[in-house]
PDB file of N, CA and C in Angstrom:
ATOM      1  N   UNK A   1       0.840  -1.160   0.000  1.00  0.00           N
ATOM      2  CA  UNK A   1       0.000   0.000   0.000  1.00  0.00           C
ATOM      3  C   UNK A   1       0.899   1.242   0.000  1.00  0.00           C
ATOM      4  N   UNK A   2       0.527   2.240  -0.804  1.00  0.00           N
ATOM      5  CA  UNK A   2       1.307   3.474  -0.886  1.00  0.00           C
ATOM      6  C   UNK A   2       0.477   4.621  -0.320  1.00  0.00           C
ATOM      7  N   UNK A   3       1.060   5.371   0.581  1.00  0.00           N
ATOM      8  CA  UNK A   3       0.433   6.559   1.169  1.00  0.00           C
ATOM      9  C   UNK A   3       1.185   7.776   0.659  1.00  0.00           C
ATOM     10  N   UNK A   4       0.460   8.806   0.219  1.00  0.00           N
ATOM     11  CA  UNK A   4       1.098  10.002  -0.342  1.00  0.00           C
ATOM     12  C   UNK A   4       0.577  11.259   0.331  1.00  0.00           C
ATOM     13  N   UNK A   5       1.415  12.291   0.311  1.00  0.00           N
ATOM     14  CA  UNK A   5       1.037  13.594   0.846  1.00  0.00           C
ATOM     15  C   UNK A   5       1.767  14.672   0.048  1.00  0.00           C
ATOM     16  N   UNK A   6       1.118  15.803  -0.141  1.00  0.00           N
ATOM     17  CA  UNK A   6       1.770  16.962  -0.745  1.00  0.00           C
ATOM     18  C   UNK A   6       1.644  18.119   0.241  1.00  0.00           C
ATOM     19  N   UNK A   7       2.654  18.979   0.273  1.00  0.00           N
ATOM     20  CA  UNK A   7       2.655  20.082   1.227  1.00  0.00           C
ATOM     21  C   UNK A   7       3.575  21.187   0.739  1.00  0.00           C
ATOM     22  N   UNK A   8       3.436  22.352   1.346  1.00  0.00           N
ATOM     23  CA  UNK A   8       4.239  23.516   0.997  1.00  0.00           C
ATOM     24  C   UNK A   8       5.097  23.904   2.189  1.00  0.00           C
ATOM     25  N   UNK A   9       6.365  24.181   1.941  1.00  0.00           N
ATOM     26  CA  UNK A   9       7.274  24.696   2.963  1.00  0.00           C
ATOM     27  C   UNK A   9       7.483  26.176   2.701  1.00  0.00           C
ATOM     28  N   UNK A  10       7.409  26.978   3.771  1.00  0.00           N
ATOM     29  CA  UNK A  10       7.596  28.418   3.622  1.00  0.00           C
ATOM     30  C   UNK A  10       8.559  28.922   4.692  1.00  0.00           C
ATOM     31  N   UNK A  11       9.437  29.823   4.290  1.00  0.00           N
ATOM     32  CA  UNK A  11      10.412  30.414   5.200  1.00  0.00           C
ATOM     33  C   UNK A  11       9.706  31.365   6.168  1.00  0.00           C
ATOM     34  N   UNK A  12      10.151  31.348   7.425  1.00  0.00           N
ATOM     35  CA  UNK A  12       9.596  32.244   8.438  1.00  0.00           C
ATOM     36  C   UNK A  12      10.650  33.257   8.871  1.00  0.00           C
ATOM     37  N   UNK A  13      10.230  34.219   9.681  1.00  0.00           N
ATOM     38  CA  UNK A  13      11.156  35.232  10.188  1.00  0.00           C
ATOM     39  C   UNK A  13      11.913  34.744  11.417  1.00  0.00           C
ATOM     40  N   UNK A  14      11.540  33.617  11.981  1.00  0.00           N
ATOM     41  CA  UNK A  14      12.159  33.119  13.214  1.00  0.00           C
ATOM     42  C   UNK A  14      13.425  32.317  12.925  1.00  0.00           C
ATOM     43  N   UNK A  15      14.524  32.636  13.623  1.00  0.00           N
ATOM     44  CA  UNK A  15      15.738  31.832  13.449  1.00  0.00           C
ATOM     45  C   UNK A  15      15.544  30.449  14.072  1.00  0.00           C
ATOM     46  N   UNK A  16      16.095  29.435  13.441  1.00  0.00           N
ATOM     47  CA  UNK A  16      15.903  28.079  13.951  1.00  0.00           C
ATOM     48  C   UNK A  16      16.673  27.826  15.238  1.00  0.00           C
ATOM     49  N   UNK A  17      17.607  28.689  15.578  1.00  0.00           N
ATOM     50  CA  UNK A  17      18.422  28.490  16.775  1.00  0.00           C
ATOM     51  C   UNK A  17      17.722  28.955  18.050  1.00  0.00           C
ATOM     52  N   UNK A  18      16.536  29.542  17.936  1.00  0.00           N
ATOM     53  CA  UNK A  18      15.838  30.061  19.108  1.00  0.00           C
ATOM     54  C   UNK A  18      14.479  29.394  19.278  1.00  0.00           C
ATOM     55  N   UNK A  19      14.032  29.323  20.551  1.00  0.00           N
ATOM     56  CA  UNK A  19      12.674  28.868  20.821  1.00  0.00           C
ATOM     57  C   UNK A  19      11.728  30.034  20.579  1.00  0.00           C
ATOM     58  N   UNK A  20      10.535  29.760  20.148  1.00  0.00           N
ATOM     59  CA  UNK A  20       9.572  30.817  19.862  1.00  0.00           C
ATOM     60  C   UNK A  20       8.167  30.255  19.953  1.00  0.00           C
ATOM     61  N   UNK A  21       7.214  31.142  20.132  1.00  0.00           N
ATOM     62  CA  UNK A  21       5.809  30.762  20.090  1.00  0.00           C
ATOM     63  C   UNK A  21       5.346  30.762  18.638  1.00  0.00           C
ATOM     64  N   UNK A  22       4.552  29.785  18.282  1.00  0.00           N
ATOM     65  CA  UNK A  22       4.066  29.672  16.906  1.00  0.00           C
ATOM     66  C   UNK A  22       3.383  30.960  16.436  1.00  0.00           C
ATOM     67  N   UNK A  23       2.634  31.595  17.324  1.00  0.00           N
ATOM     68  CA  UNK A  23       1.904  32.809  16.964  1.00  0.00           C
ATOM     69  C   UNK A  23       2.841  33.964  16.620  1.00  0.00           C
ATOM     70  N   UNK A  24       4.066  33.940  17.135  1.00  0.00           N
ATOM     71  CA  UNK A  24       5.021  35.021  16.904  1.00  0.00           C
ATOM     72  C   UNK A  24       5.839  34.825  15.629  1.00  0.00           C
ATOM     73  N   UNK A  25       5.790  33.660  15.069  1.00  0.00           N
ATOM     74  CA  UNK A  25       6.652  33.323  13.942  1.00  0.00           C
ATOM     75  C   UNK A  25       5.862  33.390  12.636  1.00  0.00           C
ATOM     76  N   UNK A  26       5.941  34.527  11.969  1.00  0.00           N
ATOM     77  CA  UNK A  26       5.185  34.726  10.736  1.00  0.00           C
ATOM     78  C   UNK A  26       6.026  34.334   9.519  1.00  0.00           C
ATOM     79  N   UNK A  27       5.352  34.131   8.405  1.00  0.00           N
ATOM     80  CA  UNK A  27       6.062  33.816   7.171  1.00  0.00           C
ATOM     81  C   UNK A  27       6.787  35.050   6.659  1.00  0.00           C
ATOM     82  N   UNK A  28       7.988  34.838   6.174  1.00  0.00           N
ATOM     83  CA  UNK A  28       8.817  35.921   5.647  1.00  0.00           C
ATOM     84  C   UNK A  28       8.271  36.374   4.292  1.00  0.00           C
ATOM     85  N   UNK A  29       8.089  37.692   4.128  1.00  0.00           N
ATOM     86  CA  UNK A  29       7.611  38.217   2.855  1.00  0.00           C
ATOM     87  C   UNK A  29       8.652  37.926   1.773  1.00  0.00           C
ATOM     88  N   UNK A  30       8.222  37.331   0.680  1.00  0.00           N
ATOM     89  CA  UNK A  30       9.098  36.918  -0.422  1.00  0.00           C
ATOM     90  C   UNK A  30      10.179  35.926   0.015  1.00  0.00           C
ATOM     91  N   UNK A  31       9.897  35.161   1.086  1.00  0.00           N
ATOM     92  CA  UNK A  31      10.848  34.155   1.560  1.00  0.00           C
ATOM     93  C   UNK A  31      10.844  32.924   0.667  1.00  0.00           C
ATOM     94  N   UNK A  32      11.725  31.988   0.988  1.00  0.00           N
ATOM     95  CA  UNK A  32      11.786  30.740   0.228  1.00  0.00           C
ATOM     96  C   UNK A  32      10.459  30.009   0.327  1.00  0.00           C
ATOM     97  N   UNK A  33      10.072  29.351  -0.765  1.00  0.00           N
ATOM     98  CA  UNK A  33       8.865  28.538  -0.791  1.00  0.00           C
ATOM     99  C   UNK A  33       9.168  27.301  -1.619  1.00  0.00           C
ATOM    100  N   UNK A  34       8.790  26.142  -1.091  1.00  0.00           N
ATOM    101  CA  UNK A  34       8.997  24.886  -1.802  1.00  0.00           C
ATOM    102  C   UNK A  34       7.700  24.092  -1.811  1.00  0.00           C
ATOM    103  N   UNK A  35       7.425  23.466  -2.950  1.00  0.00           N
ATOM    104  CA  UNK A  35       6.286  22.565  -3.087  1.00  0.00           C
ATOM    105  C   UNK A  35       6.847  21.151  -2.991  1.00  0.00           C
ATOM    106  N   UNK A  36       6.341  20.379  -2.041  1.00  0.00           N
ATOM    107  CA  UNK A  36       6.911  19.060  -1.762  1.00  0.00           C
ATOM    108  C   UNK A  36       5.863  17.957  -1.879  1.00  0.00           C
ATOM    109  N   UNK A  37       6.354  16.770  -2.174  1.00  0.00           N
ATOM    110  CA  UNK A  37       5.506  15.581  -2.164  1.00  0.00           C
ATOM    111  C   UNK A  37       6.309  14.436  -1.570  1.00  0.00           C
ATOM    112  N   UNK A  38       5.587  13.562  -0.908  1.00  0.00           N
ATOM    113  CA  UNK A  38       6.233  12.428  -0.260  1.00  0.00           C
ATOM    114  C   UNK A  38       5.315  11.219  -0.369  1.00  0.00           C
ATOM    115  N   UNK A  39       5.915  10.055  -0.488  1.00  0.00           N
ATOM    116  CA  UNK A  39       5.131   8.823  -0.491  1.00  0.00           C
ATOM    117  C   UNK A  39       5.865   7.761   0.313  1.00  0.00           C
ATOM    118  N   UNK A  40       5.068   6.950   0.986  1.00  0.00           N
ATOM    119  CA  UNK A  40       5.612   5.858   1.792  1.00  0.00           C
ATOM    120  C   UNK A  40       4.941   4.563   1.356  1.00  0.00           C
ATOM    121  N   UNK A  41       5.728   3.539   1.193  1.00  0.00           N
ATOM    122  CA  UNK A  41       5.207   2.211   0.904  1.00  0.00           C
ATOM    123  C   UNK A  41       5.117   1.462   2.225  1.00  0.00           C
ATOM    124  N   UNK A  42       3.932   0.965   2.527  1.00  0.00           N
ATOM    125  CA  UNK A  42       3.697   0.256   3.784  1.00  0.00           C
ATOM    126  C   UNK A  42       3.360  -1.195   3.460  1.00  0.00           C
ATOM    127  N   UNK A  43       4.041  -2.120   4.121  1.00  0.00           N
ATOM    128  CA  UNK A  43       3.787  -3.545   3.911  1.00  0.00           C
ATOM    129  C   UNK A  43       2.646  -4.002   4.808  1.00  0.00           C
ATOM    130  N   UNK A  44       1.770  -4.842   4.288  1.00  0.00           N
ATOM    131  CA  UNK A  44       0.658  -5.346   5.091  1.00  0.00           C
ATOM    132  C   UNK A  44       1.150  -6.133   6.297  1.00  0.00           C
ATOM    133  N   UNK A  45       2.305  -6.778   6.177  1.00  0.00           N
ATOM    134  CA  UNK A  45       2.832  -7.574   7.284  1.00  0.00           C
ATOM    135  C   UNK A  45       3.408  -6.705   8.400  1.00  0.00           C
ATOM    136  N   UNK A  46       3.738  -5.432   8.088  1.00  0.00           N
ATOM    137  CA  UNK A  46       4.273  -4.500   9.086  1.00  0.00           C
ATOM    138  C   UNK A  46       3.584  -3.140   8.909  1.00  0.00           C
ATOM    139  N   UNK A  47       2.292  -3.034   9.261  1.00  0.00           N
ATOM    140  CA  UNK A  47       1.526  -1.825   8.956  1.00  0.00           C
ATOM    141  C   UNK A  47       2.020  -0.559   9.654  1.00  0.00           C
ATOM    142  N   UNK A  48       2.750  -0.669  10.725  1.00  0.00           N
ATOM    143  CA  UNK A  48       3.227   0.509  11.441  1.00  0.00           C
ATOM    144  C   UNK A  48       4.558   1.039  10.956  1.00  0.00           C
ATOM    145  N   UNK A  49       5.181   0.363  10.005  1.00  0.00           N
ATOM    146  CA  UNK A  49       6.507   0.763   9.538  1.00  0.00           C
ATOM    147  C   UNK A  49       6.516   0.958   8.022  1.00  0.00           C
ATOM    148  N   UNK A  50       7.184   2.009   7.581  1.00  0.00           N
ATOM    149  CA  UNK A  50       7.320   2.256   6.142  1.00  0.00           C
ATOM    150  C   UNK A  50       8.452   1.403   5.587  1.00  0.00           C
ATOM    151  N   UNK A  51       8.184   0.681   4.497  1.00  0.00           N
ATOM    152  CA  UNK A  51       9.219  -0.116   3.845  1.00  0.00           C
ATOM    153  C   UNK A  51      10.137   0.788   3.037  1.00  0.00           C
ATOM    154  N   UNK A  52       9.576   1.849   2.480  1.00  0.00           N
ATOM    155  CA  UNK A  52      10.386   2.835   1.764  1.00  0.00           C
ATOM    156  C   UNK A  52       9.691   4.188   1.849  1.00  0.00           C
ATOM    157  N   UNK A  53      10.488   5.232   1.790  1.00  0.00           N
ATOM    158  CA  UNK A  53       9.967   6.591   1.887  1.00  0.00           C
ATOM    159  C   UNK A  53      10.701   7.461   0.883  1.00  0.00           C
ATOM    160  N   UNK A  54       9.956   8.200   0.085  1.00  0.00           N
ATOM    161  CA  UNK A  54      10.576   9.136  -0.853  1.00  0.00           C
ATOM    162  C   UNK A  54       9.980  10.520  -0.622  1.00  0.00           C
ATOM    163  N   UNK A  55      10.810  11.528  -0.842  1.00  0.00           N
ATOM    164  CA  UNK A  55      10.342  12.901  -0.711  1.00  0.00           C
ATOM    165  C   UNK A  55      11.097  13.758  -1.704  1.00  0.00           C
ATOM    166  N   UNK A  56      10.384  14.673  -2.338  1.00  0.00           N
ATOM    167  CA  UNK A  56      11.045  15.605  -3.245  1.00  0.00           C
ATOM    168  C   UNK A  56      10.394  16.974  -3.095  1.00  0.00           C
ATOM    169  N   UNK A  57      11.206  18.018  -3.265  1.00  0.00           N
ATOM    170  CA  UNK A  57      10.734  19.396  -3.162  1.00  0.00           C
ATOM    171  C   UNK A  57      11.310  20.209  -4.317  1.00  0.00           C
ATOM    172  N   UNK A  58      10.495  21.126  -4.827  1.00  0.00           N
ATOM    173  CA  UNK A  58      10.941  22.029  -5.883  1.00  0.00           C
ATOM    174  C   UNK A  58      10.705  23.464  -5.422  1.00  0.00           C
ATOM    175  N   UNK A  59      11.646  24.352  -5.750  1.00  0.00           N
ATOM    176  CA  UNK A  59      11.480  25.772  -5.456  1.00  0.00           C
ATOM    177  C   UNK A  59      10.282  26.314  -6.220  1.00  0.00           C
ATOM    178  N   UNK A  60       9.533  27.186  -5.576  1.00  0.00           N
ATOM    179  CA  UNK A  60       8.408  27.859  -6.229  1.00  0.00           C
ATOM    180  C   UNK A  60       8.844  29.296  -6.483  1.00  0.00           C
ATOM    181  N   UNK A  61       9.011  29.644  -7.746  1.00  0.00           N
ATOM    182  CA  UNK A  61       9.471  30.987  -8.102  1.00  0.00           C
ATOM    183  C   UNK A  61       8.447  31.766  -8.921  1.00  0.00           C
ATOM    184  N   UNK A  62       7.516  31.079  -9.559  1.00  0.00           N
ATOM    185  CA  UNK A  62       6.505  31.749 -10.371  1.00  0.00           C
ATOM    186  C   UNK A  62       5.568  32.554  -9.460  1.00  0.00           C
ATOM    187  N   UNK A  63       5.421  33.863  -9.697  1.00  0.00           N
ATOM    188  CA  UNK A  63       4.590  34.706  -8.823  1.00  0.00           C
ATOM    189  C   UNK A  63       3.140  34.228  -8.682  1.00  0.00           C
ATOM    190  N   UNK A  64       2.535  33.746  -9.751  1.00  0.00           N
ATOM    191  CA  UNK A  64       1.146  33.272  -9.673  1.00  0.00           C
ATOM    192  C   UNK A  64       1.035  32.006  -8.822  1.00  0.00           C
ATOM    193  N   UNK A  65       1.986  31.104  -8.987  1.00  0.00           N
ATOM    194  CA  UNK A  65       1.963  29.871  -8.194  1.00  0.00           C
ATOM    195  C   UNK A  65       2.234  30.179  -6.725  1.00  0.00           C
ATOM    196  N   UNK A  66       3.154  31.112  -6.443  1.00  0.00           N
ATOM    197  CA  UNK A  66       3.434  31.519  -5.058  1.00  0.00           C
ATOM    198  C   UNK A  66       2.176  32.095  -4.407  1.00  0.00           C
ATOM    199  N   UNK A  67       1.443  32.898  -5.163  1.00  0.00           N
ATOM    200  CA  UNK A  67       0.211  33.499  -4.640  1.00  0.00           C
ATOM    201  C   UNK A  67      -0.813  32.416  -4.312  1.00  0.00           C
ATOM    202  N   UNK A  68      -0.973  31.475  -5.229  1.00  0.00           N
ATOM    203  CA  UNK A  68      -1.933  30.384  -5.029  1.00  0.00           C
ATOM    204  C   UNK A  68      -1.562  29.540  -3.807  1.00  0.00           C
ATOM    205  N   UNK A  69      -0.286  29.217  -3.668  1.00  0.00           N
ATOM    206  CA  UNK A  69       0.154  28.388  -2.548  1.00  0.00           C
ATOM    207  C   UNK A  69       0.138  29.141  -1.220  1.00  0.00           C
ATOM    208  N   UNK A  70       0.099  30.466  -1.253  1.00  0.00           N
ATOM    209  CA  UNK A  70       0.060  31.260  -0.026  1.00  0.00           C
ATOM    210  C   UNK A  70      -1.342  31.358   0.559  1.00  0.00           C
ATOM    211  N   UNK A  71      -2.341  31.059  -0.233  1.00  0.00           N
ATOM    212  CA  UNK A  71      -3.715  31.110   0.253  1.00  0.00           C
ATOM    213  C   UNK A  71      -3.987  29.902   1.143  1.00  0.00           C
ATOM    214  N   UNK A  72      -4.805  30.093   2.204  1.00  0.00           N
ATOM    215  CA  UNK A  72      -5.140  28.948   3.062  1.00  0.00           C
ATOM    216  C   UNK A  72      -5.889  27.883   2.262  1.00  0.00           C
ATOM    217  N   UNK A  73      -5.711  26.618   2.616  1.00  0.00           N
ATOM    218  CA  UNK A  73      -6.442  25.558   1.918  1.00  0.00           C
ATOM    219  C   UNK A  73      -7.945  25.691   2.177  1.00  0.00           C
ATOM    220  N   UNK A  74      -8.750  25.119   1.308  1.00  0.00           N
ATOM    221  CA  UNK A  74     -10.206  25.252   1.411  1.00  0.00           C
ATOM    222  C   UNK A  74     -10.751  24.690   2.722  1.00  0.00           C
ATOM    223  N   UNK A  75     -10.108  23.680   3.286  1.00  0.00           N
ATOM    224  CA  UNK A  75     -10.600  23.087   4.525  1.00  0.00           C
ATOM    225  C   UNK A  75     -10.242  23.918   5.754  1.00  0.00           C
ATOM    226  N   UNK A  76      -9.389  24.935   5.624  1.00  0.00           N
ATOM    227  CA  UNK A  76      -8.938  25.718   6.779  1.00  0.00           C
ATOM    228  C   UNK A  76     -10.071  26.488   7.443  1.00  0.00           C
ATOM    229  N   UNK A  77     -11.123  26.797   6.702  1.00  0.00           N
ATOM    230  CA  UNK A  77     -12.237  27.559   7.275  1.00  0.00           C
ATOM    231  C   UNK A  77     -12.933  26.807   8.408  1.00  0.00           C
ATOM    232  N   UNK A  78     -12.717  25.501   8.506  1.00  0.00           N
ATOM    233  CA  UNK A  78     -13.341  24.708   9.555  1.00  0.00           C
ATOM    234  C   UNK A  78     -12.551  24.734  10.862  1.00  0.00           C
ATOM    235  N   UNK A  79     -11.397  25.383  10.851  1.00  0.00           N
ATOM    236  CA  UNK A  79     -10.553  25.468  12.035  1.00  0.00           C
ATOM    237  C   UNK A  79     -10.413  26.930  12.429  1.00  0.00           C
ATOM    238  N   UNK A  80     -10.827  27.270  13.622  1.00  0.00           N
ATOM    239  CA  UNK A  80     -10.865  28.675  14.037  1.00  0.00           C
ATOM    240  C   UNK A  80      -9.491  29.290  14.229  1.00  0.00           C
ATOM    241  N   UNK A  81      -8.478  28.502  14.517  1.00  0.00           N
ATOM    242  CA  UNK A  81      -7.148  29.066  14.793  1.00  0.00           C
ATOM    243  C   UNK A  81      -6.192  28.940  13.616  1.00  0.00           C
ATOM    244  N   UNK A  82      -6.684  28.742  12.416  1.00  0.00           N
ATOM    245  CA  UNK A  82      -5.797  28.601  11.247  1.00  0.00           C
ATOM    246  C   UNK A  82      -5.165  29.901  10.900  1.00  0.00           C
TER     247      UNK A  82
END
């Protein structure tokens, strides 16, 4: 069985060397953005462990695509703290 996920990585203003509150760490304007996908192959005989895992990310530089990926996902409206 193969499980897949796609996600976006965005650069924030918070340095990774410091602890911070999530609410204080905003996305950096015109920061790095990557579109990523990952898939894991899970064996029926070992359902809790991935037999293989792949992940790839590509830089997002096109202004229209960056704008689209910066918008909250359609399901976010169901969560009050998104």
